[in-house]
Protein backbone atom coordinates (compact mmCIF):
# COMPACT_ATOMS: atom_id res chain seq x y z
CA ALA A 1 61.15 136.34 -58.26
CA MET A 2 60.98 136.05 -62.07
CA GLN A 3 64.78 136.36 -62.35
CA GLU A 4 65.23 133.52 -59.87
CA TRP A 5 62.71 131.39 -61.76
CA ALA A 6 64.42 132.02 -65.12
CA ALA A 7 67.83 131.18 -63.68
CA SER A 8 66.66 128.02 -61.87
CA PRO A 9 67.84 125.58 -64.60
CA GLU A 10 71.40 126.86 -64.08
CA LYS A 11 71.24 125.65 -60.47
CA CYS A 12 70.25 122.07 -61.33
CA ARG A 13 72.75 119.40 -60.39
CA VAL A 14 71.88 117.39 -63.50
CA PRO A 15 72.10 118.50 -67.13
CA VAL A 16 69.06 120.44 -68.36
CA ILE A 17 67.90 119.79 -71.93
CA ALA A 18 65.50 122.18 -73.66
CA VAL A 19 63.55 120.73 -76.59
CA ILE A 20 61.98 123.52 -78.63
CA HIS A 21 59.06 123.01 -80.99
CA GLY A 22 56.70 125.80 -81.96
CA TYR A 23 57.26 129.27 -80.53
CA CYS A 24 60.21 130.25 -78.36
CA LYS A 25 59.97 133.98 -77.75
CA LEU A 26 60.31 136.45 -74.90
CA THR A 27 60.34 134.53 -71.60
CA ALA A 28 60.76 131.19 -73.36
CA MET A 29 64.05 132.49 -74.78
CA ASP A 30 65.06 133.56 -71.27
CA LEU A 31 64.39 130.06 -69.98
CA THR A 32 65.92 128.05 -72.84
CA CYS A 33 69.18 130.00 -72.81
CA THR A 34 69.80 128.66 -69.29
CA ALA A 35 69.66 125.03 -70.49
CA ASP A 36 72.84 123.02 -70.92
CA ILE A 37 71.67 121.58 -74.25
CA ARG A 38 69.10 123.09 -76.62
CA LEU A 39 67.48 121.03 -79.40
CA THR A 40 64.88 122.27 -81.87
CA THR A 41 62.88 121.56 -84.97
CA LYS A 42 63.81 123.46 -88.14
CA ASP A 43 60.48 125.25 -88.23
CA ALA A 44 60.47 126.46 -84.61
CA ALA A 45 60.07 130.23 -84.29
CA PHE A 46 62.50 132.11 -82.05
CA GLY A 47 62.58 135.76 -81.17
CA LEU A 48 63.82 138.38 -78.76
CA THR A 49 60.74 140.40 -79.56
CA GLU A 50 60.60 142.64 -76.50
CA VAL A 51 61.05 145.70 -78.71
CA ASN A 52 57.86 144.80 -80.61
CA THR A 53 55.80 144.70 -77.42
CA ALA A 54 57.42 147.69 -75.69
CA ILE A 55 58.57 145.71 -72.67
CA CYS A 56 62.01 145.56 -71.10
CA SER A 57 63.67 142.20 -70.62
CA ASP A 58 65.50 141.74 -67.36
CA LEU A 59 65.62 137.97 -66.99
CA GLY A 60 69.18 137.58 -68.24
CA SER A 61 68.89 136.38 -71.82
CA PHE A 62 70.70 139.43 -73.19
CA GLN A 63 73.65 138.56 -70.96
CA ARG A 64 73.55 134.78 -71.53
CA ILE A 65 73.02 134.54 -75.28
CA PRO A 66 76.31 136.25 -76.30
CA LYS A 67 78.15 133.51 -74.39
CA ILE A 68 76.19 130.88 -76.29
CA VAL A 69 76.45 132.21 -79.85
CA ASN A 70 79.62 134.33 -79.61
CA ASN A 71 78.20 136.85 -82.10
CA GLU A 72 77.16 140.13 -80.51
CA SER A 73 76.34 141.75 -83.87
CA TRP A 74 73.72 139.09 -84.62
CA LEU A 75 72.29 139.41 -81.12
CA ARG A 76 72.09 143.20 -81.34
CA GLU A 77 70.26 142.90 -84.66
CA LEU A 78 67.65 140.69 -83.02
CA ILE A 79 67.29 142.91 -79.95
CA PHE A 80 67.06 146.18 -81.89
CA THR A 81 64.73 144.95 -84.64
CA GLY A 82 62.66 142.26 -82.93
CA ARG A 83 63.32 140.04 -85.96
CA GLU A 84 62.29 136.43 -85.54
CA PHE A 85 64.41 133.49 -86.68
CA ASN A 86 63.72 129.81 -87.26
CA GLY A 87 65.30 126.61 -85.97
CA ALA A 88 67.60 126.33 -88.98
CA GLU A 89 69.10 129.77 -88.26
CA ALA A 90 69.32 128.93 -84.54
CA LEU A 91 71.37 125.88 -85.49
CA GLU A 92 73.52 127.83 -87.95
CA ILE A 93 74.37 130.53 -85.39
CA GLY A 94 74.99 128.00 -82.59
CA TYR A 95 72.05 128.69 -80.28
CA VAL A 96 70.94 125.05 -80.56
CA SER A 97 72.72 121.81 -81.39
C-alpha cells in the first residue's frame, strides 16, 4: 500500500510539481522523486537518512533518484552515510531545478 501511495504522482495525467521548503527526508524524498518538476529553497534540508534510523527504504527512491541525478557515487554516499544536503546542493547535483 505504501509503495502504491509513493508512486501515485507518476500515474497522474497532469504534470506534478513538488515545492520543497523545510525538511525533505525519508518518505518525503520518496514522494518528491516521483514529481515531474522539483523546486526548492536554498535552505531546505534533504536526506536519505534511513541508515540513521535503522529502517529499510522500499518505496522506490533508491531506484528513481539515479535516473534524476545521473550520479550513482553521490547517491551511494548519501545512502551509506545518511548525510543530509541542502537545497543549493540539490540544485547543483540536479535533483531540483
